[in-house]
């Protein structure tokens, strides 16, 4: 399973970078089932998390979970362990749409 999770993590990382570009920074991927994505210039507010959910993307704001508030406003926890490669690609595109709605 470690190899499969690594492949899914790499797929999600590649998709996020392809969709969102250099303003996304990935960390925490070695945990095996989720990662943290930080976005330059984006506040990961409850409204953004709701927009993402309306588009079919589930994420958790790091700020919401953090013990010390104010340091993680631009970070999301993204889970990838139960998703297919196609779902990861679709999720990255939907995440981009939620971050920068038309």
PDB file of N, CA and C in Angstrom:
ATOM      1  N   UNK A   1       0.817  -1.199   0.000  1.00  0.00           N
ATOM      2  CA  UNK A   1       0.000   0.000   0.000  1.00  0.00           C
ATOM      3  C   UNK A   1       0.860   1.262   0.000  1.00  0.00           C
ATOM      4  N   UNK A   2       2.038   1.192   0.605  1.00  0.00           N
ATOM      5  CA  UNK A   2       2.898   2.384   0.628  1.00  0.00           C
ATOM      6  C   UNK A   2       3.211   2.866  -0.786  1.00  0.00           C
ATOM      7  N   UNK A   3       3.495   1.915  -1.687  1.00  0.00           N
ATOM      8  CA  UNK A   3       3.800   2.294  -3.071  1.00  0.00           C
ATOM      9  C   UNK A   3       2.586   2.918  -3.740  1.00  0.00           C
ATOM     10  N   UNK A   4       1.418   2.356  -3.479  1.00  0.00           N
ATOM     11  CA  UNK A   4       0.196   2.896  -4.079  1.00  0.00           C
ATOM     12  C   UNK A   4      -0.098   4.293  -3.546  1.00  0.00           C
ATOM     13  N   UNK A   5       0.016   4.489  -2.244  1.00  0.00           N
ATOM     14  CA  UNK A   5      -0.218   5.813  -1.662  1.00  0.00           C
ATOM     15  C   UNK A   5       0.802   6.827  -2.183  1.00  0.00           C
ATOM     16  N   UNK A   6       2.048   6.404  -2.334  1.00  0.00           N
ATOM     17  CA  UNK A   6       3.074   7.292  -2.881  1.00  0.00           C
ATOM     18  C   UNK A   6       2.714   7.699  -4.311  1.00  0.00           C
ATOM     19  N   UNK A   7       2.236   6.732  -5.096  1.00  0.00           N
ATOM     20  CA  UNK A   7       1.839   7.034  -6.479  1.00  0.00           C
ATOM     21  C   UNK A   7       0.662   8.012  -6.497  1.00  0.00           C
ATOM     22  N   UNK A   8      -0.304   7.829  -5.604  1.00  0.00           N
ATOM     23  CA  UNK A   8      -1.448   8.750  -5.539  1.00  0.00           C
ATOM     24  C   UNK A   8      -1.013  10.133  -5.073  1.00  0.00           C
ATOM     25  N   UNK A   9      -0.120  10.169  -4.084  1.00  0.00           N
ATOM     26  CA  UNK A   9       0.409  11.457  -3.612  1.00  0.00           C
ATOM     27  C   UNK A   9       1.115  12.193  -4.744  1.00  0.00           C
ATOM     28  N   UNK A  10       1.945  11.474  -5.466  1.00  0.00           N
ATOM     29  CA  UNK A  10       2.662  12.088  -6.579  1.00  0.00           C
ATOM     30  C   UNK A  10       1.697  12.570  -7.655  1.00  0.00           C
ATOM     31  N   UNK A  11       0.655  11.790  -7.917  1.00  0.00           N
ATOM     32  CA  UNK A  11      -0.360  12.184  -8.903  1.00  0.00           C
ATOM     33  C   UNK A  11      -1.054  13.468  -8.469  1.00  0.00           C
ATOM     34  N   UNK A  12      -1.470  13.529  -7.205  1.00  0.00           N
ATOM     35  CA  UNK A  12      -2.141  14.730  -6.711  1.00  0.00           C
ATOM     36  C   UNK A  12      -1.200  15.932  -6.753  1.00  0.00           C
ATOM     37  N   UNK A  13       0.026  15.748  -6.338  1.00  0.00           N
ATOM     38  CA  UNK A  13       1.005  16.836  -6.374  1.00  0.00           C
ATOM     39  C   UNK A  13       1.199  17.347  -7.796  1.00  0.00           C
ATOM     40  N   UNK A  14       1.362  16.423  -8.735  1.00  0.00           N
ATOM     41  CA  UNK A  14       1.532  16.811 -10.137  1.00  0.00           C
ATOM     42  C   UNK A  14       0.307  17.550 -10.661  1.00  0.00           C
ATOM     43  N   UNK A  15      -0.877  17.059 -10.321  1.00  0.00           N
ATOM     44  CA  UNK A  15      -2.116  17.702 -10.783  1.00  0.00           C
ATOM     45  C   UNK A  15      -2.279  19.093 -10.188  1.00  0.00           C
ATOM     46  N   UNK A  16      -1.982  19.240  -8.910  1.00  0.00           N
ATOM     47  CA  UNK A  16      -2.081  20.561  -8.279  1.00  0.00           C
ATOM     48  C   UNK A  16      -1.119  21.545  -8.920  1.00  0.00           C
ATOM     49  N   UNK A  17       0.093  21.103  -9.159  1.00  0.00           N
ATOM     50  CA  UNK A  17       1.079  21.997  -9.777  1.00  0.00           C
ATOM     51  C   UNK A  17       0.697  22.345 -11.208  1.00  0.00           C
ATOM     52  N   UNK A  18       0.131  21.372 -11.929  1.00  0.00           N
ATOM     53  CA  UNK A  18      -0.294  21.633 -13.312  1.00  0.00           C
ATOM     54  C   UNK A  18      -1.486  22.585 -13.348  1.00  0.00           C
ATOM     55  N   UNK A  19      -2.419  22.427 -12.439  1.00  0.00           N
ATOM     56  CA  UNK A  19      -3.634  23.249 -12.426  1.00  0.00           C
ATOM     57  C   UNK A  19      -3.391  24.630 -11.824  1.00  0.00           C
ATOM     58  N   UNK A  20      -2.634  24.692 -10.737  1.00  0.00           N
ATOM     59  CA  UNK A  20      -2.539  25.913  -9.951  1.00  0.00           C
ATOM     60  C   UNK A  20      -1.191  26.611 -10.128  1.00  0.00           C
ATOM     61  N   UNK A  21      -0.171  25.863 -10.453  1.00  0.00           N
ATOM     62  CA  UNK A  21       1.124  26.455 -10.737  1.00  0.00           C
ATOM     63  C   UNK A  21       1.973  26.703  -9.517  1.00  0.00           C
ATOM     64  N   UNK A  22       2.890  27.659  -9.635  1.00  0.00           N
ATOM     65  CA  UNK A  22       3.891  27.874  -8.589  1.00  0.00           C
ATOM     66  C   UNK A  22       3.346  28.505  -7.308  1.00  0.00           C
ATOM     67  N   UNK A  23       2.071  28.851  -7.266  1.00  0.00           N
ATOM     68  CA  UNK A  23       1.516  29.434  -6.046  1.00  0.00           C
ATOM     69  C   UNK A  23       1.069  28.366  -5.051  1.00  0.00           C
ATOM     70  N   UNK A  24       1.193  27.091  -5.408  1.00  0.00           N
ATOM     71  CA  UNK A  24       0.860  26.011  -4.479  1.00  0.00           C
ATOM     72  C   UNK A  24       2.155  25.377  -3.976  1.00  0.00           C
ATOM     73  N   UNK A  25       2.188  25.141  -2.679  1.00  0.00           N
ATOM     74  CA  UNK A  25       3.352  24.540  -2.023  1.00  0.00           C
ATOM     75  C   UNK A  25       2.870  23.330  -1.232  1.00  0.00           C
ATOM     76  N   UNK A  26       3.490  22.192  -1.474  1.00  0.00           N
ATOM     77  CA  UNK A  26       3.051  20.929  -0.902  1.00  0.00           C
ATOM     78  C   UNK A  26       3.987  20.519   0.227  1.00  0.00           C
ATOM     79  N   UNK A  27       3.396  20.039   1.326  1.00  0.00           N
ATOM     80  CA  UNK A  27       4.191  19.480   2.423  1.00  0.00           C
ATOM     81  C   UNK A  27       3.392  18.371   3.092  1.00  0.00           C
ATOM     82  N   UNK A  28       4.065  17.620   3.938  1.00  0.00           N
ATOM     83  CA  UNK A  28       3.386  16.589   4.713  1.00  0.00           C
ATOM     84  C   UNK A  28       3.016  15.341   3.942  1.00  0.00           C
ATOM     85  N   UNK A  29       3.480  15.210   2.724  1.00  0.00           N
ATOM     86  CA  UNK A  29       3.120  14.065   1.904  1.00  0.00           C
ATOM     87  C   UNK A  29       3.660  12.746   2.390  1.00  0.00           C
ATOM     88  N   UNK A  30       4.706  12.767   3.192  1.00  0.00           N
ATOM     89  CA  UNK A  30       5.298  11.527   3.675  1.00  0.00           C
ATOM     90  C   UNK A  30       4.404  10.812   4.676  1.00  0.00           C
ATOM     91  N   UNK A  31       3.345  11.478   5.136  1.00  0.00           N
ATOM     92  CA  UNK A  31       2.430  10.864   6.096  1.00  0.00           C
ATOM     93  C   UNK A  31       1.682   9.687   5.491  1.00  0.00           C
ATOM     94  N   UNK A  32       1.513   9.679   4.179  1.00  0.00           N
ATOM     95  CA  UNK A  32       0.964   8.512   3.515  1.00  0.00           C
ATOM     96  C   UNK A  32      -0.469   8.582   3.065  1.00  0.00           C
ATOM     97  N   UNK A  33      -1.320   9.398   3.657  1.00  0.00           N
ATOM     98  CA  UNK A  33      -2.726   9.397   3.284  1.00  0.00           C
ATOM     99  C   UNK A  33      -3.294  10.786   3.006  1.00  0.00           C
ATOM    100  N   UNK A  34      -2.556  11.814   3.357  1.00  0.00           N
ATOM    101  CA  UNK A  34      -2.985  13.181   3.071  1.00  0.00           C
ATOM    102  C   UNK A  34      -1.761  14.073   2.988  1.00  0.00           C
ATOM    103  N   UNK A  35      -1.982  15.268   2.514  1.00  0.00           N
ATOM    104  CA  UNK A  35      -0.902  16.239   2.428  1.00  0.00           C
ATOM    105  C   UNK A  35      -1.460  17.612   2.737  1.00  0.00           C
ATOM    106  N   UNK A  36      -0.555  18.559   2.919  1.00  0.00           N
ATOM    107  CA  UNK A  36      -0.940  19.945   3.157  1.00  0.00           C
ATOM    108  C   UNK A  36      -0.560  20.742   1.925  1.00  0.00           C
ATOM    109  N   UNK A  37      -1.524  21.480   1.408  1.00  0.00           N
ATOM    110  CA  UNK A  37      -1.285  22.374   0.278  1.00  0.00           C
ATOM    111  C   UNK A  37      -1.453  23.801   0.767  1.00  0.00           C
ATOM    112  N   UNK A  38      -0.410  24.611   0.583  1.00  0.00           N
ATOM    113  CA  UNK A  38      -0.445  26.028   0.939  1.00  0.00           C
ATOM    114  C   UNK A  38      -0.497  26.828  -0.357  1.00  0.00           C
ATOM    115  N   UNK A  39      -1.325  27.862  -0.376  1.00  0.00           N
ATOM    116  CA  UNK A  39      -1.563  28.650  -1.578  1.00  0.00           C
ATOM    117  C   UNK A  39      -1.193  30.104  -1.335  1.00  0.00           C
ATOM    118  N   UNK A  40      -0.245  30.625  -2.122  1.00  0.00           N
ATOM    119  CA  UNK A  40       0.124  32.030  -2.022  1.00  0.00           C
ATOM    120  C   UNK A  40      -1.084  32.901  -2.342  1.00  0.00           C
ATOM    121  N   UNK A  41      -1.374  33.852  -1.473  1.00  0.00           N
ATOM    122  CA  UNK A  41      -2.430  34.817  -1.738  1.00  0.00           C
ATOM    123  C   UNK A  41      -3.851  34.297  -1.587  1.00  0.00           C
ATOM    124  N   UNK A  42      -4.023  33.142  -0.968  1.00  0.00           N
ATOM    125  CA  UNK A  42      -5.365  32.566  -0.801  1.00  0.00           C
ATOM    126  C   UNK A  42      -5.633  32.358   0.678  1.00  0.00           C
ATOM    127  N   UNK A  43      -6.765  32.859   1.151  1.00  0.00           N
ATOM    128  CA  UNK A  43      -7.225  32.565   2.503  1.00  0.00           C
ATOM    129  C   UNK A  43      -8.169  31.374   2.422  1.00  0.00           C
ATOM    130  N   UNK A  44      -7.840  30.314   3.125  1.00  0.00           N
ATOM    131  CA  UNK A  44      -8.656  29.098   3.120  1.00  0.00           C
ATOM    132  C   UNK A  44      -9.746  29.231   4.182  1.00  0.00           C
ATOM    133  N   UNK A  45     -10.682  30.087   3.886  1.00  0.00           N
ATOM    134  CA  UNK A  45     -11.782  30.400   4.796  1.00  0.00           C
ATOM    135  C   UNK A  45     -12.843  29.308   4.760  1.00  0.00           C
ATOM    136  N   UNK A  46     -13.793  29.405   5.678  1.00  0.00           N
ATOM    137  CA  UNK A  46     -14.927  28.482   5.664  1.00  0.00           C
ATOM    138  C   UNK A  46     -15.705  28.602   4.355  1.00  0.00           C
ATOM    139  N   UNK A  47     -15.792  29.820   3.825  1.00  0.00           N
ATOM    140  CA  UNK A  47     -16.499  30.027   2.551  1.00  0.00           C
ATOM    141  C   UNK A  47     -15.807  29.283   1.411  1.00  0.00           C
ATOM    142  N   UNK A  48     -14.477  29.307   1.386  1.00  0.00           N
ATOM    143  CA  UNK A  48     -13.741  28.577   0.354  1.00  0.00           C
ATOM    144  C   UNK A  48     -13.954  27.078   0.513  1.00  0.00           C
ATOM    145  N   UNK A  49     -13.880  26.588   1.724  1.00  0.00           N
ATOM    146  CA  UNK A  49     -14.094  25.155   1.967  1.00  0.00           C
ATOM    147  C   UNK A  49     -15.507  24.757   1.523  1.00  0.00           C
ATOM    148  N   UNK A  50     -16.492  25.614   1.754  1.00  0.00           N
ATOM    149  CA  UNK A  50     -17.866  25.332   1.293  1.00  0.00           C
ATOM    150  C   UNK A  50     -17.947  25.328  -0.230  1.00  0.00           C
ATOM    151  N   UNK A  51     -17.293  26.296  -0.895  1.00  0.00           N
ATOM    152  CA  UNK A  51     -17.262  26.325  -2.371  1.00  0.00           C
ATOM    153  C   UNK A  51     -16.646  25.048  -2.924  1.00  0.00           C
ATOM    154  N   UNK A  52     -15.585  24.612  -2.285  1.00  0.00           N
ATOM    155  CA  UNK A  52     -14.937  23.376  -2.725  1.00  0.00           C
ATOM    156  C   UNK A  52     -15.887  22.197  -2.565  1.00  0.00           C
ATOM    157  N   UNK A  53     -16.547  22.121  -1.438  1.00  0.00           N
ATOM    158  CA  UNK A  53     -17.473  21.024  -1.182  1.00  0.00           C
ATOM    159  C   UNK A  53     -18.621  21.030  -2.196  1.00  0.00           C
ATOM    160  N   UNK A  54     -19.112  22.213  -2.548  1.00  0.00           N
ATOM    161  CA  UNK A  54     -20.162  22.315  -3.563  1.00  0.00           C
ATOM    162  C   UNK A  54     -19.690  21.799  -4.914  1.00  0.00           C
ATOM    163  N   UNK A  55     -18.391  21.839  -5.148  1.00  0.00           N
ATOM    164  CA  UNK A  55     -17.810  21.348  -6.404  1.00  0.00           C
ATOM    165  C   UNK A  55     -17.356  19.892  -6.291  1.00  0.00           C
ATOM    166  N   UNK A  56     -17.590  19.285  -5.136  1.00  0.00           N
ATOM    167  CA  UNK A  56     -17.253  17.882  -4.961  1.00  0.00           C
ATOM    168  C   UNK A  56     -15.863  17.606  -4.423  1.00  0.00           C
ATOM    169  N   UNK A  57     -15.233  18.616  -3.819  1.00  0.00           N
ATOM    170  CA  UNK A  57     -13.895  18.455  -3.256  1.00  0.00           C
ATOM    171  C   UNK A  57     -13.974  18.656  -1.748  1.00  0.00           C
ATOM    172  N   UNK A  58     -13.541  17.645  -1.017  1.00  0.00           N
ATOM    173  CA  UNK A  58     -13.522  17.744   0.441  1.00  0.00           C
ATOM    174  C   UNK A  58     -12.111  18.088   0.897  1.00  0.00           C
ATOM    175  N   UNK A  59     -11.995  19.107   1.723  1.00  0.00           N
ATOM    176  CA  UNK A  59     -10.714  19.504   2.312  1.00  0.00           C
ATOM    177  C   UNK A  59     -10.990  20.076   3.693  1.00  0.00           C
ATOM    178  N   UNK A  60      -9.952  20.111   4.484  1.00  0.00           N
ATOM    179  CA  UNK A  60     -10.038  20.673   5.831  1.00  0.00           C
ATOM    180  C   UNK A  60      -9.034  21.809   5.934  1.00  0.00           C
ATOM    181  N   UNK A  61      -9.470  22.911   6.465  1.00  0.00           N
ATOM    182  CA  UNK A  61      -8.577  24.049   6.694  1.00  0.00           C
ATOM    183  C   UNK A  61      -7.606  23.713   7.824  1.00  0.00           C
ATOM    184  N   UNK A  62      -6.326  23.893   7.583  1.00  0.00           N
ATOM    185  CA  UNK A  62      -5.328  23.668   8.628  1.00  0.00           C
ATOM    186  C   UNK A  62      -5.570  24.644   9.774  1.00  0.00           C
ATOM    187  N   UNK A  63      -5.926  25.865   9.438  1.00  0.00           N
ATOM    188  CA  UNK A  63      -6.182  26.890  10.453  1.00  0.00           C
ATOM    189  C   UNK A  63      -7.250  26.423  11.431  1.00  0.00           C
ATOM    190  N   UNK A  64      -8.273  25.758  10.919  1.00  0.00           N
ATOM    191  CA  UNK A  64      -9.358  25.265  11.767  1.00  0.00           C
ATOM    192  C   UNK A  64      -8.856  24.226  12.769  1.00  0.00           C
ATOM    193  N   UNK A  65      -7.864  23.450  12.388  1.00  0.00           N
ATOM    194  CA  UNK A  65      -7.331  22.381  13.232  1.00  0.00           C
ATOM    195  C   UNK A  65      -6.146  22.807  14.085  1.00  0.00           C
ATOM    196  N   UNK A  66      -5.552  23.954  13.776  1.00  0.00           N
ATOM    197  CA  UNK A  66      -4.305  24.369  14.414  1.00  0.00           C
ATOM    198  C   UNK A  66      -4.497  24.803  15.869  1.00  0.00           C
ATOM    199  N   UNK A  67      -3.524  24.456  16.682  1.00  0.00           N
ATOM    200  CA  UNK A  67      -3.538  24.888  18.078  1.00  0.00           C
ATOM    201  C   UNK A  67      -3.205  26.370  18.186  1.00  0.00           C
ATOM    202  N   UNK A  68      -2.289  26.831  17.349  1.00  0.00           N
ATOM    203  CA  UNK A  68      -1.903  28.245  17.330  1.00  0.00           C
ATOM    204  C   UNK A  68      -2.553  28.867  16.100  1.00  0.00           C
ATOM    205  N   UNK A  69      -3.490  29.748  16.321  1.00  0.00           N
ATOM    206  CA  UNK A  69      -4.250  30.365  15.231  1.00  0.00           C
ATOM    207  C   UNK A  69      -3.463  31.491  14.568  1.00  0.00           C
ATOM    208  N   UNK A  70      -3.767  31.701  13.283  1.00  0.00           N
ATOM    209  CA  UNK A  70      -3.200  32.806  12.544  1.00  0.00           C
ATOM    210  C   UNK A  70      -1.981  32.465  11.705  1.00  0.00           C
ATOM    211  N   UNK A  71      -1.490  31.248  11.798  1.00  0.00           N
ATOM    212  CA  UNK A  71      -0.272  30.877  11.072  1.00  0.00           C
ATOM    213  C   UNK A  71      -0.524  30.005   9.839  1.00  0.00           C
ATOM    214  N   UNK A  72      -1.746  29.546   9.675  1.00  0.00           N
ATOM    215  CA  UNK A  72      -2.020  28.551   8.634  1.00  0.00           C
ATOM    216  C   UNK A  72      -3.234  28.923   7.783  1.00  0.00           C
ATOM    217  N   UNK A  73      -3.480  30.210   7.623  1.00  0.00           N
ATOM    218  CA  UNK A  73      -4.688  30.670   6.930  1.00  0.00           C
ATOM    219  C   UNK A  73      -4.742  30.268   5.460  1.00  0.00           C
ATOM    220  N   UNK A  74      -3.608  29.970   4.865  1.00  0.00           N
ATOM    221  CA  UNK A  74      -3.574  29.651   3.432  1.00  0.00           C
ATOM    222  C   UNK A  74      -3.345  28.163   3.156  1.00  0.00           C
ATOM    223  N   UNK A  75      -3.612  27.307   4.142  1.00  0.00           N
ATOM    224  CA  UNK A  75      -3.297  25.887   4.014  1.00  0.00           C
ATOM    225  C   UNK A  75      -4.540  25.008   4.136  1.00  0.00           C
ATOM    226  N   UNK A  76      -4.540  23.955   3.313  1.00  0.00           N
ATOM    227  CA  UNK A  76      -5.607  22.953   3.338  1.00  0.00           C
ATOM    228  C   UNK A  76      -5.007  21.566   3.509  1.00  0.00           C
ATOM    229  N   UNK A  77      -5.720  20.703   4.212  1.00  0.00           N
ATOM    230  CA  UNK A  77      -5.377  19.286   4.279  1.00  0.00           C
ATOM    231  C   UNK A  77      -6.176  18.594   3.185  1.00  0.00           C
ATOM    232  N   UNK A  78      -5.479  17.897   2.309  1.00  0.00           N
ATOM    233  CA  UNK A  78      -6.112  17.165   1.211  1.00  0.00           C
ATOM    234  C   UNK A  78      -5.822  15.681   1.383  1.00  0.00           C
ATOM    235  N   UNK A  79      -6.873  14.881   1.414  1.00  0.00           N
ATOM    236  CA  UNK A  79      -6.716  13.430   1.516  1.00  0.00           C
ATOM    237  C   UNK A  79      -6.755  12.828   0.126  1.00  0.00           C
ATOM    238  N   UNK A  80      -5.936  11.830  -0.098  1.00  0.00           N
ATOM    239  CA  UNK A  80      -5.858  11.231  -1.421  1.00  0.00           C
ATOM    240  C   UNK A  80      -5.886   9.710  -1.396  1.00  0.00           C
ATOM    241  N   UNK A  81      -5.853   9.103  -0.251  1.00  0.00           N
ATOM    242  CA  UNK A  81      -5.644   7.657  -0.158  1.00  0.00           C
ATOM    243  C   UNK A  81      -6.748   6.834  -0.816  1.00  0.00           C
ATOM    244  N   UNK A  82      -7.978   7.292  -0.802  1.00  0.00           N
ATOM    245  CA  UNK A  82      -9.079   6.504  -1.335  1.00  0.00           C
ATOM    246  C   UNK A  82      -9.530   6.916  -2.726  1.00  0.00           C
ATOM    247  N   UNK A  83      -8.732   7.744  -3.409  1.00  0.00           N
ATOM    248  CA  UNK A  83      -9.149   8.268  -4.706  1.00  0.00           C
ATOM    249  C   UNK A  83      -8.339   7.662  -5.846  1.00  0.00           C
ATOM    250  N   UNK A  84      -8.989   7.543  -6.998  1.00  0.00           N
ATOM    251  CA  UNK A  84      -8.297   7.058  -8.191  1.00  0.00           C
ATOM    252  C   UNK A  84      -7.511   8.195  -8.814  1.00  0.00           C
ATOM    253  N   UNK A  85      -6.669   7.863  -9.750  1.00  0.00           N
ATOM    254  CA  UNK A  85      -5.879   8.891 -10.446  1.00  0.00           C
ATOM    255  C   UNK A  85      -6.793   9.870 -11.181  1.00  0.00           C
ATOM    256  N   UNK A  86      -7.847   9.365 -11.805  1.00  0.00           N
ATOM    257  CA  UNK A  86      -8.788  10.254 -12.496  1.00  0.00           C
ATOM    258  C   UNK A  86      -9.498  11.176 -11.519  1.00  0.00           C
ATOM    259  N   UNK A  87      -9.874  10.659 -10.363  1.00  0.00           N
ATOM    260  CA  UNK A  87     -10.534  11.483  -9.351  1.00  0.00           C
ATOM    261  C   UNK A  87      -9.590  12.555  -8.808  1.00  0.00           C
ATOM    262  N   UNK A  88      -8.325  12.221  -8.671  1.00  0.00           N
ATOM    263  CA  UNK A  88      -7.346  13.201  -8.207  1.00  0.00           C
ATOM    264  C   UNK A  88      -7.200  14.338  -9.210  1.00  0.00           C
ATOM    265  N   UNK A  89      -7.146  14.000 -10.492  1.00  0.00           N
ATOM    266  CA  UNK A  89      -7.033  15.032 -11.541  1.00  0.00           C
ATOM    267  C   UNK A  89      -8.274  15.915 -11.551  1.00  0.00           C
ATOM    268  N   UNK A  90      -9.441  15.307 -11.466  1.00  0.00           N
ATOM    269  CA  UNK A  90     -10.687  16.059 -11.445  1.00  0.00           C
ATOM    270  C   UNK A  90     -10.758  16.946 -10.199  1.00  0.00           C
ATOM    271  N   UNK A  91     -10.332  16.409  -9.073  1.00  0.00           N
ATOM    272  CA  UNK A  91     -10.336  17.184  -7.831  1.00  0.00           C
ATOM    273  C   UNK A  91      -9.436  18.404  -7.899  1.00  0.00           C
ATOM    274  N   UNK A  92      -8.270  18.260  -8.510  1.00  0.00           N
ATOM    275  CA  UNK A  92      -7.356  19.398  -8.646  1.00  0.00           C
ATOM    276  C   UNK A  92      -7.979  20.484  -9.518  1.00  0.00           C
ATOM    277  N   UNK A  93      -8.648  20.088 -10.588  1.00  0.00           N
ATOM    278  CA  UNK A  93      -9.308  21.069 -11.457  1.00  0.00           C
ATOM    279  C   UNK A  93     -10.443  21.763 -10.710  1.00  0.00           C
ATOM    280  N   UNK A  94     -11.196  21.003  -9.938  1.00  0.00           N
ATOM    281  CA  UNK A  94     -12.298  21.602  -9.179  1.00  0.00           C
ATOM    282  C   UNK A  94     -11.772  22.500  -8.069  1.00  0.00           C
ATOM    283  N   UNK A  95     -10.667  22.132  -7.465  1.00  0.00           N
ATOM    284  CA  UNK A  95     -10.047  22.972  -6.448  1.00  0.00           C
ATOM    285  C   UNK A  95      -9.629  24.296  -7.040  1.00  0.00           C
ATOM    286  N   UNK A  96      -9.028  24.262  -8.195  1.00  0.00           N
ATOM    287  CA  UNK A  96      -8.643  25.506  -8.895  1.00  0.00           C
ATOM    288  C   UNK A  96      -9.864  26.374  -9.134  1.00  0.00           C
ATOM    289  N   UNK A  97     -10.959  25.780  -9.587  1.00  0.00           N
ATOM    290  CA  UNK A  97     -12.184  26.539  -9.850  1.00  0.00           C
ATOM    291  C   UNK A  97     -12.741  27.159  -8.579  1.00  0.00           C
ATOM    292  N   UNK A  98     -12.620  26.470  -7.469  1.00  0.00           N
ATOM    293  CA  UNK A  98     -13.119  27.006  -6.196  1.00  0.00           C
ATOM    294  C   UNK A  98     -12.257  28.159  -5.695  1.00  0.00           C
ATOM    295  N   UNK A  99     -10.966  28.061  -5.913  1.00  0.00           N
ATOM    296  CA  UNK A  99     -10.046  29.118  -5.468  1.00  0.00           C
ATOM    297  C   UNK A  99     -10.217  30.381  -6.283  1.00  0.00           C
ATOM    298  N   UNK A 100     -10.394  30.231  -7.576  1.00  0.00           N
ATOM    299  CA  UNK A 100     -10.515  31.394  -8.465  1.00  0.00           C
ATOM    300  C   UNK A 100     -11.813  31.297  -9.251  1.00  0.00           C
ATOM    301  N   UNK A 101     -12.981  31.466  -8.571  1.00  0.00           N
ATOM    302  CA  UNK A 101     -14.244  31.360  -9.297  1.00  0.00           C
ATOM    303  C   UNK A 101     -14.398  32.473 -10.323  1.00  0.00           C
ATOM    304  N   UNK A 102     -15.082  32.158 -11.408  1.00  0.00           N
ATOM    305  CA  UNK A 102     -15.301  33.160 -12.482  1.00  0.00           C
ATOM    306  C   UNK A 102     -16.294  34.214 -12.073  1.00  0.00           C
TER     307      UNK A 102
END
